[in-house]
Amino acid sequence: MKYIGAHVSTLGGVSNAPLEAAAIGAKAFALFTGSSSRWTSKEISDIEAEQFKNNCKVNGYTPEVILLHDNFLINLGSPDSQKLNLSRKSFLDEMRRCEQLGLIMLNFHPGSHLNAIEPDDCLKRIAESINLTLDKTKGVCAVLENVAGQGTNLGYNFEQLAYIINLIDDKTRIGVCIDTCHAFSAGFNLADGEGYNRTWSDFDTIIGKHYLKALHLNDSKKPFNSRIDRHESIGQGTLGNEFFKRLINDNRFDNIPIILETPDELKWPEEIKWLYSLQNK
């Protein structure tokens, strides 16, 4: 079964997120539990956390279809010791917010070397940051997201993601979320039938299909291999409708959250409905 949803608003409190998801016909959802652009966020009260859990239960959302996203300031591979410490502290806080809400996945971008350290050293630092955090938490999987390859961001190929995973002590608590826009921009030709099949075959060989925990389903404004991260509404970008039809009918992506991060949230109900309409066609 496909669980398609979107990254919904938490305006008014995190307990509103499952209500927002239900209103757009989503069977899965993603959220920030605080600010996406600050190191620290307001604490979630126990009352708010319980209301979140209750709203999830009432609307049929289990932790397996909910993807928390960390804030965008975090760089777990930062070459700057002060920024690295801030990142690790903030990441730990994000993990603990997951625990409080009864969630089991925290999605994040791996990190950037900023041309100040070697890429491999940055990857090792990212893995060290994850290990430190996993040691202080329980029950939450750290979910690496592939990136488009802009600037000095790492995690744009499967080898880099596998490098990090291989250094994680508890491999039951590490996973991957593939963003389709990022993958296409980074040189994975998902728009082509042969390229699509090769991409997922390579993922299985290099990383392992059991590590795939979620998808970010986004079209791309930019062409193949552009190394530019620009999301587009479903069916209006360069990936092509055939790609979405192929993915929606691919049972490799059953039973994981498939999350839209497309730019026009007013189109989310229409996009979700259209994607479900593609099944078995």
C-alpha atoms as a PDB file:
ATOM      1  CA  MET A   1       0.000   0.000   0.000  1.00  0.00           C
ATOM      2  CA  LYS A   2       1.182   3.496  -0.817  1.00  0.00           C
ATOM      3  CA  TYR A   3       1.205   6.106   1.951  1.00  0.00           C
ATOM      4  CA  ILE A   4       1.330   9.487   0.200  1.00  0.00           C
ATOM      5  CA  GLY A   5       1.250  12.805   2.021  1.00  0.00           C
ATOM      6  CA  ALA A   6       3.029  16.141   2.411  1.00  0.00           C
ATOM      7  CA  HIS A   7       5.145  18.223   4.765  1.00  0.00           C
ATOM      8  CA  VAL A   8       2.363  19.981   6.649  1.00  0.00           C
ATOM      9  CA  SER A   9       2.196  23.065   8.836  1.00  0.00           C
ATOM     10  CA  THR A  10       2.377  22.997  12.629  1.00  0.00           C
ATOM     11  CA  LEU A  11       0.952  26.508  13.008  1.00  0.00           C
ATOM     12  CA  GLY A  12      -0.768  26.676  16.371  1.00  0.00           C
ATOM     13  CA  GLY A  13       1.137  23.646  17.703  1.00  0.00           C
ATOM     14  CA  VAL A  14       2.421  20.263  16.567  1.00  0.00           C
ATOM     15  CA  SER A  15      -0.921  18.672  17.477  1.00  0.00           C
ATOM     16  CA  ASN A  16      -2.420  20.381  14.429  1.00  0.00           C
ATOM     17  CA  ALA A  17      -0.138  18.547  11.980  1.00  0.00           C
ATOM     18  CA  PRO A  18      -2.228  15.350  11.746  1.00  0.00           C
ATOM     19  CA  LEU A  19      -5.358  17.476  11.287  1.00  0.00           C
ATOM     20  CA  GLU A  20      -3.681  19.367   8.424  1.00  0.00           C
ATOM     21  CA  ALA A  21      -2.649  16.063   6.856  1.00  0.00           C
ATOM     22  CA  ALA A  22      -6.138  14.584   7.092  1.00  0.00           C
ATOM     23  CA  ALA A  23      -7.630  17.727   5.513  1.00  0.00           C
ATOM     24  CA  ILE A  24      -5.602  17.247   2.308  1.00  0.00           C
ATOM     25  CA  GLY A  25      -6.302  13.527   1.977  1.00  0.00           C
ATOM     26  CA  ALA A  26      -2.831  12.461   3.089  1.00  0.00           C
ATOM     27  CA  LYS A  27      -2.061   8.953   4.342  1.00  0.00           C
ATOM     28  CA  ALA A  28       1.357  10.076   5.620  1.00  0.00           C
ATOM     29  CA  PHE A  29       2.920  13.365   6.638  1.00  0.00           C
ATOM     30  CA  ALA A  30       6.125  15.152   7.575  1.00  0.00           C
ATOM     31  CA  LEU A  31       6.620  18.079   9.942  1.00  0.00           C
ATOM     32  CA  PHE A  32       8.989  20.344  11.782  1.00  0.00           C
ATOM     33  CA  THR A  33       8.379  20.231  15.525  1.00  0.00           C
ATOM     34  CA  GLY A  34       9.867  23.697  15.988  1.00  0.00           C
ATOM     35  CA  SER A  35      11.577  26.423  13.990  1.00  0.00           C
ATOM     36  CA  SER A  36      13.234  25.303  10.762  1.00  0.00           C
ATOM     37  CA  SER A  37      15.784  28.137  10.958  1.00  0.00           C
ATOM     38  CA  ARG A  38      16.791  28.423  14.637  1.00  0.00           C
ATOM     39  CA  TRP A  39      19.150  26.387  16.782  1.00  0.00           C
ATOM     40  CA  THR A  40      16.577  25.982  19.538  1.00  0.00           C
ATOM     41  CA  SER A  41      12.784  25.797  19.596  1.00  0.00           C
ATOM     42  CA  LYS A  42      10.082  26.268  22.177  1.00  0.00           C
ATOM     43  CA  GLU A  43       9.577  23.172  24.294  1.00  0.00           C
ATOM     44  CA  ILE A  44       6.627  20.939  23.494  1.00  0.00           C
ATOM     45  CA  SER A  45       4.360  20.634  26.516  1.00  0.00           C
ATOM     46  CA  ASP A  46       3.274  17.195  27.696  1.00  0.00           C
ATOM     47  CA  ILE A  47      -0.330  18.217  26.988  1.00  0.00           C
ATOM     48  CA  GLU A  48       0.551  19.182  23.406  1.00  0.00           C
ATOM     49  CA  ALA A  49       2.480  15.942  22.897  1.00  0.00           C
ATOM     50  CA  GLU A  50      -0.466  13.861  24.115  1.00  0.00           C
ATOM     51  CA  GLN A  51      -2.843  15.803  21.868  1.00  0.00           C
ATOM     52  CA  PHE A  52      -0.541  15.136  18.915  1.00  0.00           C
ATOM     53  CA  LYS A  53      -0.585  11.405  19.647  1.00  0.00           C
ATOM     54  CA  ASN A  54      -4.360  11.424  20.048  1.00  0.00           C
ATOM     55  CA  ASN A  55      -4.927  13.342  16.789  1.00  0.00           C
ATOM     56  CA  CYS A  56      -2.657  10.865  15.000  1.00  0.00           C
ATOM     57  CA  LYS A  57      -4.601   7.919  16.406  1.00  0.00           C
ATOM     58  CA  VAL A  58      -8.010   9.396  15.564  1.00  0.00           C
ATOM     59  CA  ASN A  59      -6.928  10.101  11.981  1.00  0.00           C
ATOM     60  CA  GLY A  60      -5.173   6.778  11.433  1.00  0.00           C
ATOM     61  CA  TYR A  61      -1.541   7.892  11.401  1.00  0.00           C
ATOM     62  CA  THR A  62       0.964   5.488  12.938  1.00  0.00           C
ATOM     63  CA  PRO A  63       4.617   6.434  13.622  1.00  0.00           C
ATOM     64  CA  GLU A  64       5.690   4.391  10.584  1.00  0.00           C
ATOM     65  CA  VAL A  65       4.128   6.974   8.210  1.00  0.00           C
ATOM     66  CA  ILE A  66       5.290  10.145   9.983  1.00  0.00           C
ATOM     67  CA  LEU A  67       8.629  11.783   9.168  1.00  0.00           C
ATOM     68  CA  LEU A  68      10.015  14.510  11.418  1.00  0.00           C
ATOM     69  CA  HIS A  69      12.505  16.866   9.717  1.00  0.00           C
ATOM     70  CA  ASP A  70      15.264  18.623  11.656  1.00  0.00           C
ATOM     71  CA  ASN A  71      16.088  22.336  11.311  1.00  0.00           C
ATOM     72  CA  PHE A  72      18.141  23.563   8.375  1.00  0.00           C
ATOM     73  CA  LEU A  73      20.983  25.095  10.425  1.00  0.00           C
ATOM     74  CA  ILE A  74      22.289  21.721  11.554  1.00  0.00           C
ATOM     75  CA  ASN A  75      25.540  20.611   9.897  1.00  0.00           C
ATOM     76  CA  LEU A  76      26.723  17.387  11.521  1.00  0.00           C
ATOM     77  CA  GLY A  77      29.958  17.502   9.529  1.00  0.00           C
ATOM     78  CA  SER A  78      30.827  21.138  10.175  1.00  0.00           C
ATOM     79  CA  PRO A  79      34.553  21.965  10.128  1.00  0.00           C
ATOM     80  CA  ASP A  80      33.896  24.765  12.630  1.00  0.00           C
ATOM     81  CA  SER A  81      34.040  23.393  16.184  1.00  0.00           C
ATOM     82  CA  GLN A  82      31.545  25.912  17.558  1.00  0.00           C
ATOM     83  CA  LYS A  83      29.012  25.242  14.769  1.00  0.00           C
ATOM     84  CA  LEU A  84      29.595  21.505  15.132  1.00  0.00           C
ATOM     85  CA  ASN A  85      28.782  21.649  18.842  1.00  0.00           C
ATOM     86  CA  LEU A  86      25.674  23.729  18.162  1.00  0.00           C
ATOM     87  CA  SER A  87      24.635  21.270  15.458  1.00  0.00           C
ATOM     88  CA  ARG A  88      25.110  18.247  17.695  1.00  0.00           C
ATOM     89  CA  LYS A  89      23.198  19.863  20.552  1.00  0.00           C
ATOM     90  CA  SER A  90      20.351  20.866  18.240  1.00  0.00           C
ATOM     91  CA  PHE A  91      20.238  17.425  16.593  1.00  0.00           C
ATOM     92  CA  LEU A  92      20.021  15.764  20.000  1.00  0.00           C
ATOM     93  CA  ASP A  93      17.131  18.083  20.884  1.00  0.00           C
ATOM     94  CA  GLU A  94      15.365  17.128  17.646  1.00  0.00           C
ATOM     95  CA  MET A  95      15.795  13.432  18.494  1.00  0.00           C
ATOM     96  CA  ARG A  96      14.383  13.952  21.960  1.00  0.00           C
ATOM     97  CA  ARG A  97      11.381  15.785  20.525  1.00  0.00           C
ATOM     98  CA  CYS A  98      10.818  12.702  18.368  1.00  0.00           C
ATOM     99  CA  GLU A  99      10.892  10.553  21.494  1.00  0.00           C
ATOM    100  CA  GLN A 100       8.423  12.850  23.251  1.00  0.00           C
ATOM    101  CA  LEU A 101       5.961  12.644  20.355  1.00  0.00           C
ATOM    102  CA  GLY A 102       6.280   8.871  20.014  1.00  0.00           C
ATOM    103  CA  LEU A 103       7.853   9.190  16.562  1.00  0.00           C
ATOM    104  CA  ILE A 104      10.463   6.812  15.184  1.00  0.00           C
ATOM    105  CA  MET A 105      12.184   8.703  12.313  1.00  0.00           C
ATOM    106  CA  LEU A 106      14.193  11.929  12.141  1.00  0.00           C
ATOM    107  CA  ASN A 107      15.021  13.049   8.597  1.00  0.00           C
ATOM    108  CA  PHE A 108      18.067  15.271   7.995  1.00  0.00           C
ATOM    109  CA  HIS A 109      20.583  16.429   5.392  1.00  0.00           C
ATOM    110  CA  PRO A 110      23.976  14.825   6.139  1.00  0.00           C
ATOM    111  CA  GLY A 111      26.268  17.881   6.211  1.00  0.00           C
ATOM    112  CA  SER A 112      28.738  20.083   4.344  1.00  0.00           C
ATOM    113  CA  HIS A 113      32.526  20.337   4.345  1.00  0.00           C
ATOM    114  CA  LEU A 114      32.507  24.045   3.348  1.00  0.00           C
ATOM    115  CA  ASN A 115      35.841  23.556   1.535  1.00  0.00           C
ATOM    116  CA  ALA A 116      37.547  23.546   4.940  1.00  0.00           C
ATOM    117  CA  ILE A 117      38.114  19.800   5.408  1.00  0.00           C
ATOM    118  CA  GLU A 118      38.365  16.813   3.107  1.00  0.00           C
ATOM    119  CA  PRO A 119      35.023  15.234   2.078  1.00  0.00           C
ATOM    120  CA  ASP A 120      35.927  11.897   3.697  1.00  0.00           C
ATOM    121  CA  ASP A 121      36.782  13.647   6.960  1.00  0.00           C
ATOM    122  CA  CYS A 122      33.422  15.392   6.814  1.00  0.00           C
ATOM    123  CA  LEU A 123      31.625  12.086   6.262  1.00  0.00           C
ATOM    124  CA  LYS A 124      33.446  10.596   9.259  1.00  0.00           C
ATOM    125  CA  ARG A 125      32.430  13.610  11.360  1.00  0.00           C
ATOM    126  CA  ILE A 126      28.796  13.179  10.309  1.00  0.00           C
ATOM    127  CA  ALA A 127      28.859   9.532  11.360  1.00  0.00           C
ATOM    128  CA  GLU A 128      30.496  10.457  14.672  1.00  0.00           C
ATOM    129  CA  SER A 129      27.778  13.044  15.298  1.00  0.00           C
ATOM    130  CA  ILE A 130      25.065  10.470  14.615  1.00  0.00           C
ATOM    131  CA  ASN A 131      26.682   7.870  16.880  1.00  0.00           C
ATOM    132  CA  LEU A 132      26.971  10.372  19.726  1.00  0.00           C
ATOM    133  CA  THR A 133      23.277  11.200  19.397  1.00  0.00           C
ATOM    134  CA  LEU A 134      22.067   7.615  19.102  1.00  0.00           C
ATOM    135  CA  ASP A 135      23.978   6.767  22.282  1.00  0.00           C
ATOM    136  CA  LYS A 136      21.931   9.375  24.176  1.00  0.00           C
ATOM    137  CA  THR A 137      18.506   8.450  22.756  1.00  0.00           C
ATOM    138  CA  LYS A 138      16.424   5.381  22.005  1.00  0.00           C
ATOM    139  CA  GLY A 139      13.808   4.205  19.549  1.00  0.00           C
ATOM    140  CA  VAL A 140      14.371   6.849  16.862  1.00  0.00           C
ATOM    141  CA  CYS A 141      15.983   6.117  13.491  1.00  0.00           C
ATOM    142  CA  ALA A 142      18.315   8.745  11.999  1.00  0.00           C
ATOM    143  CA  VAL A 143      17.211   9.051   8.349  1.00  0.00           C
ATOM    144  CA  LEU A 144      19.806  10.471   5.963  1.00  0.00           C
ATOM    145  CA  GLU A 145      18.433  12.432   3.007  1.00  0.00           C
ATOM    146  CA  ASN A 146      20.268  12.521  -0.311  1.00  0.00           C
ATOM    147  CA  VAL A 147      21.090  16.000  -1.618  1.00  0.00           C
ATOM    148  CA  ALA A 148      21.337  17.563  -5.075  1.00  0.00           C
ATOM    149  CA  GLY A 149      25.085  18.169  -4.982  1.00  0.00           C
ATOM    150  CA  GLN A 150      24.963  21.946  -4.660  1.00  0.00           C
ATOM    151  CA  GLY A 151      28.013  23.634  -3.202  1.00  0.00           C
ATOM    152  CA  THR A 152      29.829  21.521  -0.622  1.00  0.00           C
ATOM    153  CA  ASN A 153      26.837  19.462   0.530  1.00  0.00           C
ATOM    154  CA  LEU A 154      27.574  15.761   0.897  1.00  0.00           C
ATOM    155  CA  GLY A 155      25.228  12.834   0.385  1.00  0.00           C
ATOM    156  CA  TYR A 156      24.587  13.373  -3.324  1.00  0.00           C
ATOM    157  CA  ASN A 157      25.583   9.855  -4.305  1.00  0.00           C
ATOM    158  CA  PHE A 158      24.910   6.424  -2.840  1.00  0.00           C
ATOM    159  CA  GLU A 159      28.562   5.814  -2.039  1.00  0.00           C
ATOM    160  CA  GLN A 160      28.661   8.778   0.351  1.00  0.00           C
ATOM    161  CA  LEU A 161      25.489   7.661   2.124  1.00  0.00           C
ATOM    162  CA  ALA A 162      26.847   4.120   2.397  1.00  0.00           C
ATOM    163  CA  TYR A 163      30.137   5.476   3.778  1.00  0.00           C
ATOM    164  CA  ILE A 164      28.241   7.117   6.651  1.00  0.00           C
ATOM    165  CA  ILE A 165      26.040   4.077   7.278  1.00  0.00           C
ATOM    166  CA  ASN A 166      29.066   1.779   7.453  1.00  0.00           C
ATOM    167  CA  LEU A 167      30.438   3.877  10.327  1.00  0.00           C
ATOM    168  CA  ILE A 168      27.230   3.795  12.385  1.00  0.00           C
ATOM    169  CA  ASP A 169      27.456   1.541  15.431  1.00  0.00           C
ATOM    170  CA  ASP A 170      23.748   0.659  15.683  1.00  0.00           C
ATOM    171  CA  LYS A 171      22.661  -0.021  12.115  1.00  0.00           C
ATOM    172  CA  THR A 172      19.084  -0.716  13.221  1.00  0.00           C
ATOM    173  CA  ARG A 173      18.769   3.026  13.823  1.00  0.00           C
ATOM    174  CA  ILE A 174      20.051   4.433  10.538  1.00  0.00           C
ATOM    175  CA  GLY A 175      18.153   4.780   7.267  1.00  0.00           C
ATOM    176  CA  VAL A 176      17.776   6.772   4.067  1.00  0.00           C
ATOM    177  CA  CYS A 177      15.139   9.044   2.555  1.00  0.00           C
ATOM    178  CA  ILE A 178      15.500   9.553  -1.194  1.00  0.00           C
ATOM    179  CA  ASP A 179      14.359  12.905  -2.549  1.00  0.00           C
ATOM    180  CA  THR A 180      13.477  12.417  -6.221  1.00  0.00           C
ATOM    181  CA  CYS A 181      14.240  16.025  -7.214  1.00  0.00           C
ATOM    182  CA  HIS A 182      17.622  15.860  -5.494  1.00  0.00           C
ATOM    183  CA  ALA A 183      18.433  12.498  -7.084  1.00  0.00           C
ATOM    184  CA  PHE A 184      17.536  13.682 -10.592  1.00  0.00           C
ATOM    185  CA  SER A 185      19.555  16.880 -10.126  1.00  0.00           C
ATOM    186  CA  ALA A 186      22.517  14.881  -8.806  1.00  0.00           C
ATOM    187  CA  GLY A 187      22.699  12.682 -11.907  1.00  0.00           C
ATOM    188  CA  PHE A 188      20.296   9.790 -11.315  1.00  0.00           C
ATOM    189  CA  ASN A 189      18.193   9.681 -14.479  1.00  0.00           C
ATOM    190  CA  LEU A 190      14.862   8.727 -12.933  1.00  0.00           C
ATOM    191  CA  ALA A 191      12.980  10.142 -15.934  1.00  0.00           C
ATOM    192  CA  ASP A 192      14.288   7.372 -18.170  1.00  0.00           C
ATOM    193  CA  GLY A 193      13.020   3.810 -17.752  1.00  0.00           C
ATOM    194  CA  GLU A 194      16.479   2.266 -17.880  1.00  0.00           C
ATOM    195  CA  GLY A 195      17.905   4.984 -15.621  1.00  0.00           C
ATOM    196  CA  TYR A 196      15.059   4.499 -13.157  1.00  0.00           C
ATOM    197  CA  ASN A 197      15.710   0.769 -12.852  1.00  0.00           C
ATOM    198  CA  ARG A 198      19.471   1.253 -12.623  1.00  0.00           C
ATOM    199  CA  THR A 199      19.044   3.835  -9.840  1.00  0.00           C
ATOM    200  CA  TRP A 200      17.130   1.486  -7.566  1.00  0.00           C
ATOM    201  CA  SER A 201      19.316  -1.487  -8.447  1.00  0.00           C
ATOM    202  CA  ASP A 202      22.389   0.556  -7.504  1.00  0.00           C
ATOM    203  CA  PHE A 203      20.714   1.666  -4.279  1.00  0.00           C
ATOM    204  CA  ASP A 204      20.155  -1.963  -3.338  1.00  0.00           C
ATOM    205  CA  THR A 205      23.726  -2.935  -4.226  1.00  0.00           C
ATOM    206  CA  ILE A 206      25.554   0.016  -2.676  1.00  0.00           C
ATOM    207  CA  ILE A 207      23.355   0.825   0.330  1.00  0.00           C
ATOM    208  CA  GLY A 208      20.786  -1.956   0.715  1.00  0.00           C
ATOM    209  CA  LYS A 209      17.047  -1.710   0.135  1.00  0.00           C
ATOM    210  CA  HIS A 210      16.290  -2.397   3.808  1.00  0.00           C
ATOM    211  CA  TYR A 211      17.746   1.034   4.641  1.00  0.00           C
ATOM    212  CA  LEU A 212      15.111   2.884   2.579  1.00  0.00           C
ATOM    213  CA  LYS A 213      12.738   4.425   5.126  1.00  0.00           C
ATOM    214  CA  ALA A 214      10.970   7.187   3.157  1.00  0.00           C
ATOM    215  CA  LEU A 215      10.695   9.137  -0.095  1.00  0.00           C
ATOM    216  CA  HIS A 216      10.403  12.839  -0.772  1.00  0.00           C
ATOM    217  CA  LEU A 217       8.396  12.874  -3.988  1.00  0.00           C
ATOM    218  CA  ASN A 218       9.173  16.122  -5.782  1.00  0.00           C
ATOM    219  CA  ASP A 219       9.334  17.179  -9.410  1.00  0.00           C
ATOM    220  CA  SER A 220      12.329  19.283 -10.477  1.00  0.00           C
ATOM    221  CA  LYS A 221      12.435  22.777 -11.956  1.00  0.00           C
ATOM    222  CA  LYS A 222      15.945  22.189 -13.250  1.00  0.00           C
ATOM    223  CA  PRO A 223      17.203  19.700 -15.856  1.00  0.00           C
ATOM    224  CA  PHE A 224      18.886  16.360 -15.258  1.00  0.00           C
ATOM    225  CA  ASN A 225      22.319  16.534 -13.571  1.00  0.00           C
ATOM    226  CA  SER A 226      22.013  20.286 -12.909  1.00  0.00           C
ATOM    227  CA  ARG A 227      23.270  19.956  -9.291  1.00  0.00           C
ATOM    228  CA  ILE A 228      20.622  22.561  -8.375  1.00  0.00           C
ATOM    229  CA  ASP A 229      17.925  21.901  -5.765  1.00  0.00           C
ATOM    230  CA  ARG A 230      14.676  23.448  -7.012  1.00  0.00           C
ATOM    231  CA  HIS A 231      11.436  21.576  -6.359  1.00  0.00           C
ATOM    232  CA  GLU A 232       8.501  21.827  -8.753  1.00  0.00           C
ATOM    233  CA  SER A 233       4.858  20.816  -8.493  1.00  0.00           C
ATOM    234  CA  ILE A 234       4.103  17.227  -9.490  1.00  0.00           C
ATOM    235  CA  GLY A 235       3.871  16.816 -13.259  1.00  0.00           C
ATOM    236  CA  GLN A 236       5.032  20.362 -14.005  1.00  0.00           C
ATOM    237  CA  GLY A 237       8.786  19.844 -13.964  1.00  0.00           C
ATOM    238  CA  THR A 238      11.476  17.966 -15.834  1.00  0.00           C
ATOM    239  CA  LEU A 239      10.942  14.482 -14.393  1.00  0.00           C
ATOM    240  CA  GLY A 240       7.886  13.788 -16.563  1.00  0.00           C
ATOM    241  CA  ASN A 241       4.561  12.119 -15.774  1.00  0.00           C
ATOM    242  CA  GLU A 242       5.791   8.670 -16.772  1.00  0.00           C
ATOM    243  CA  PHE A 243       8.225   8.719 -13.844  1.00  0.00           C
ATOM    244  CA  PHE A 244       5.439   9.281 -11.326  1.00  0.00           C
ATOM    245  CA  LYS A 245       3.300   6.553 -12.874  1.00  0.00           C
ATOM    246  CA  ARG A 246       6.248   4.160 -12.717  1.00  0.00           C
ATOM    247  CA  LEU A 247       7.032   4.946  -9.083  1.00  0.00           C
ATOM    248  CA  ILE A 248       3.445   4.798  -7.833  1.00  0.00           C
ATOM    249  CA  ASN A 249       3.110   1.304  -9.306  1.00  0.00           C
ATOM    250  CA  ASP A 250       6.470   0.121  -7.928  1.00  0.00           C
ATOM    251  CA  ASN A 251       5.938  -2.111  -4.901  1.00  0.00           C
ATOM    252  CA  ARG A 252       9.427  -1.309  -3.611  1.00  0.00           C
ATOM    253  CA  PHE A 253       7.877   1.838  -2.186  1.00  0.00           C
ATOM    254  CA  ASP A 254       4.942   0.258  -0.398  1.00  0.00           C
ATOM    255  CA  ASN A 255       4.488   0.837   3.336  1.00  0.00           C
ATOM    256  CA  ILE A 256       6.852   3.813   3.693  1.00  0.00           C
ATOM    257  CA  PRO A 257       5.947   7.525   3.876  1.00  0.00           C
ATOM    258  CA  ILE A 258       5.989   9.208   0.454  1.00  0.00           C
ATOM    259  CA  ILE A 259       6.129  12.923   1.203  1.00  0.00           C
ATOM    260  CA  LEU A 260       5.462  15.872  -1.102  1.00  0.00           C
ATOM    261  CA  GLU A 261       7.586  18.990  -0.564  1.00  0.00           C
ATOM    262  CA  THR A 262       6.305  20.677  -3.708  1.00  0.00           C
ATOM    263  CA  PRO A 263       6.191  24.491  -3.711  1.00  0.00           C
ATOM    264  CA  ASP A 264       2.438  25.156  -3.947  1.00  0.00           C
ATOM    265  CA  GLU A 265       0.753  23.701  -0.878  1.00  0.00           C
ATOM    266  CA  LEU A 266      -2.671  24.619  -2.272  1.00  0.00           C
ATOM    267  CA  LYS A 267      -2.080  21.937  -4.902  1.00  0.00           C
ATOM    268  CA  TRP A 268      -1.300  19.172  -2.394  1.00  0.00           C
ATOM    269  CA  PRO A 269      -4.839  17.703  -2.264  1.00  0.00           C
ATOM    270  CA  GLU A 270      -4.933  17.641  -6.078  1.00  0.00           C
ATOM    271  CA  GLU A 271      -1.416  16.185  -6.339  1.00  0.00           C
ATOM    272  CA  ILE A 272      -2.136  13.446  -3.796  1.00  0.00           C
ATOM    273  CA  LYS A 273      -5.392  12.538  -5.537  1.00  0.00           C
ATOM    274  CA  TRP A 274      -3.698  12.471  -8.959  1.00  0.00           C
ATOM    275  CA  LEU A 275      -0.861  10.269  -7.704  1.00  0.00           C
ATOM    276  CA  TYR A 276      -3.288   7.730  -6.266  1.00  0.00           C
ATOM    277  CA  SER A 277      -5.200   7.780  -9.555  1.00  0.00           C
ATOM    278  CA  LEU A 278      -2.079   6.485 -11.307  1.00  0.00           C
ATOM    279  CA  GLN A 279      -2.146   3.158  -9.480  1.00  0.00           C
ATOM    280  CA  ASN A 280      -2.368   0.112 -11.745  1.00  0.00           C
ATOM    281  CA  LYS A 281      -2.414   2.182 -14.918  1.00  0.00           C
END
